[in-house]
Structure formats: structure tokens, C-alpha cells
């Protein structure tokens, strides 16, 4: 028996997931994750710089020269690319919260969990943030000793 889901059912499911995720959301921790993830910081800085430069050029009613226009477009695209590539630090936040819970319950992070987090920059940053907060050694030091 196949079940055809309507768009309304899909929206309900997604809204439920969103509400569940937002119930435990902590804005302070999320801002910390954004601050620690350098790619997100570069992306936001680039994005804000492009908007500022573009609005400055438009406010002064100057004809925008092609190099200036190209620079605005490039910085805007770079900002979107960096923030998009890091999913606006969502992976960093998720890993940070998960690692914090593991450390709170087990007083350390198992090697298997560490190995799964080494794949991406965002996961490594989240893991290091939780370890640093708990007073544990940085992630790189552990792997240098192995």
C-alpha cells in the first residue's frame, strides 16, 4: 500500500520538526558557534561589505563603474557562498550541542565519536568548542598522541 503525501502533510511534518528543533534552541550558543566558525564570519563580513558598498554607491547617485559593480557582485556572491557552505554554522551548532551532552553524561567523548566528527571543518569546530568549555585538551593534541 503506497501512501501519497500531499503538500499539506509535508508542510505539517516540516513544521513539527522545526518546532521540535526550536524548543531546545539556545541563541547564545548559536552566536558562539557563528563567532568560532571562521568561514561563516568571512561570509557574513563579505555579505555585509557588499551591501554597504552597493548602498553607498547608490545613495551618492553616482554612475557605478563596471569594476565597482563587479566588486559588489563578487563580494555578495562570496558571502553567500561561505555562509551557504557552512549552512550558517548549523552543523557547528548541532555538533557543539551533541558534544556538550556527551561530555556532561560521560565526562569525555569516545574516540569513535571523535573520528566521525573529523570529516568536516564545522564538526571539528563544534567538537573543539565543547571540549574547550569542558576543560579538555584540544582535538588536534589527542590525535598527535595516537
Protein backbone atom coordinates (compact mmCIF):
# COMPACT_ATOMS: atom_id res chain seq x y z
CA UNK A 1 0.00 0.00 0.00
CA UNK A 2 1.53 3.27 -1.09
CA UNK A 3 0.68 6.45 0.65
CA UNK A 4 0.60 9.62 -1.39
CA UNK A 5 1.53 12.55 0.77
CA UNK A 6 0.04 15.86 -0.04
CA UNK A 7 1.91 19.12 0.20
CA UNK A 8 -0.12 19.91 3.31
CA UNK A 9 1.13 16.72 5.00
CA UNK A 10 4.72 17.53 4.11
CA UNK A 11 4.35 21.07 5.50
CA UNK A 12 2.87 19.69 8.72
CA UNK A 13 5.79 17.27 9.10
CA UNK A 14 8.36 20.00 8.45
CA UNK A 15 6.62 22.40 10.83
CA UNK A 16 6.65 19.72 13.53
CA UNK A 17 10.39 19.14 13.03
CA UNK A 18 11.05 22.89 13.13
CA UNK A 19 9.08 23.33 16.37
CA UNK A 20 10.87 20.36 17.94
CA UNK A 21 14.28 21.76 17.00
CA UNK A 22 13.43 25.28 18.17
CA UNK A 23 12.23 24.09 21.58
CA UNK A 24 15.80 23.35 22.67
CA UNK A 25 17.44 26.16 20.70
CA UNK A 26 19.83 28.44 22.61
CA UNK A 27 20.64 31.70 20.85
CA UNK A 28 23.78 32.38 22.94
CA UNK A 29 25.30 29.05 21.96
CA UNK A 30 24.36 29.60 18.33
CA UNK A 31 26.04 33.02 18.27
CA UNK A 32 29.13 31.45 19.85
CA UNK A 33 29.19 28.88 17.06
CA UNK A 34 28.86 31.58 14.41
CA UNK A 35 31.73 33.50 16.01
CA UNK A 36 34.01 30.46 16.17
CA UNK A 37 33.37 29.28 12.60
CA UNK A 38 35.75 31.40 10.53
CA UNK A 39 34.09 30.59 7.21
CA UNK A 40 30.76 31.92 8.48
CA UNK A 41 32.44 35.06 9.82
CA UNK A 42 34.16 35.66 6.46
CA UNK A 43 30.88 35.05 4.64
CA UNK A 44 28.90 37.43 6.83
CA UNK A 45 31.61 40.08 6.62
CA UNK A 46 31.71 39.78 2.85
CA UNK A 47 27.94 39.88 2.58
CA UNK A 48 27.64 42.99 4.79
CA UNK A 49 30.53 44.69 2.96
CA UNK A 50 28.86 44.13 -0.42
CA UNK A 51 25.54 45.52 0.81
CA UNK A 52 27.26 48.51 2.40
CA UNK A 53 29.32 49.27 -0.69
CA UNK A 54 26.35 48.86 -3.00
CA UNK A 55 24.09 51.09 -0.93
CA UNK A 56 26.85 53.70 -0.58
CA UNK A 57 27.31 53.85 -4.33
CA UNK A 58 23.57 54.08 -4.94
CA UNK A 59 22.99 56.74 -2.27
CA UNK A 60 25.50 59.10 -3.81
CA UNK A 61 23.70 58.87 -7.16
CA UNK A 62 26.93 58.10 -8.89
CA UNK A 63 27.11 56.06 -12.01
CA UNK A 64 28.55 52.79 -10.83
CA UNK A 65 31.66 51.88 -12.76
CA UNK A 66 31.94 48.29 -14.02
CA UNK A 67 34.85 47.41 -11.69
CA UNK A 68 32.93 48.66 -8.64
CA UNK A 69 29.81 46.82 -9.75
CA UNK A 70 31.83 43.66 -10.29
CA UNK A 71 33.36 44.02 -6.82
CA UNK A 72 29.91 44.37 -5.25
CA UNK A 73 28.66 41.28 -7.07
CA UNK A 74 31.78 39.29 -6.22
CA UNK A 75 31.71 40.09 -2.50
CA UNK A 76 27.97 39.39 -2.38
CA UNK A 77 28.43 36.02 -4.10
CA UNK A 78 31.40 35.16 -1.88
CA UNK A 79 29.38 35.98 1.22
CA UNK A 80 26.50 33.82 0.11
CA UNK A 81 28.87 31.00 -0.84
CA UNK A 82 30.67 30.98 2.51
CA UNK A 83 27.53 31.22 4.64
CA UNK A 84 25.80 28.67 2.44
CA UNK A 85 28.72 26.24 2.56
CA UNK A 86 28.66 26.32 6.35
CA UNK A 87 24.84 26.23 6.47
CA UNK A 88 25.15 29.38 8.56
CA UNK A 89 27.00 27.36 11.26
CA UNK A 90 24.11 24.98 11.84
CA UNK A 91 26.37 21.91 11.67
CA UNK A 92 28.78 23.54 14.10
CA UNK A 93 25.90 24.26 16.48
CA UNK A 94 24.47 20.73 16.22
CA UNK A 95 27.86 19.13 16.87
CA UNK A 96 28.57 21.52 19.74
CA UNK A 97 25.28 20.71 21.48
CA UNK A 98 25.73 16.98 20.92
CA UNK A 99 29.32 17.01 22.20
CA UNK A 100 28.28 19.07 25.23
CA UNK A 101 25.65 16.47 26.14
CA UNK A 102 28.10 13.60 25.68
CA UNK A 103 30.72 15.31 27.86
CA UNK A 104 28.13 16.10 30.52
CA UNK A 105 26.97 12.47 30.65
CA UNK A 106 30.27 10.61 30.12
CA UNK A 107 32.91 13.21 31.15
CA UNK A 108 34.71 12.60 27.85
CA UNK A 109 33.99 11.99 24.18
CA UNK A 110 34.53 8.45 22.87
CA UNK A 111 37.19 8.03 20.18
CA UNK A 112 34.57 6.70 17.74
CA UNK A 113 32.58 9.94 18.04
CA UNK A 114 35.73 12.00 17.58
CA UNK A 115 36.63 10.05 14.43
CA UNK A 116 33.18 10.66 12.92
CA UNK A 117 33.47 14.40 13.57
CA UNK A 118 36.84 14.78 11.87
CA UNK A 119 35.30 14.78 8.39
CA UNK A 120 34.30 18.42 8.18
CA UNK A 121 35.57 21.73 9.42
CA UNK A 122 32.23 22.64 11.00
CA UNK A 123 32.05 19.44 13.06
CA UNK A 124 35.63 19.85 14.24
CA UNK A 125 34.95 23.42 15.37
CA UNK A 126 31.82 22.35 17.30
CA UNK A 127 33.68 19.49 18.95
CA UNK A 128 36.62 21.71 19.91
CA UNK A 129 34.28 24.31 21.39
CA UNK A 130 32.63 21.72 23.65
CA UNK A 131 36.00 20.24 24.66
CA UNK A 132 37.43 23.69 25.42
CA UNK A 133 34.39 24.58 27.50
CA UNK A 134 34.76 21.35 29.50
CA UNK A 135 38.47 21.95 30.07
CA UNK A 136 39.62 19.02 27.91
CA UNK A 137 42.61 19.00 25.56
CA UNK A 138 42.11 20.36 22.06
CA UNK A 139 41.20 17.81 19.41
CA UNK A 140 44.48 18.12 17.49
CA UNK A 141 46.57 17.25 20.55
CA UNK A 142 44.72 13.97 21.06
CA UNK A 143 45.37 12.84 17.50
CA UNK A 144 49.01 13.85 17.65
CA UNK A 145 49.47 11.47 20.59
CA UNK A 146 47.87 8.47 18.80
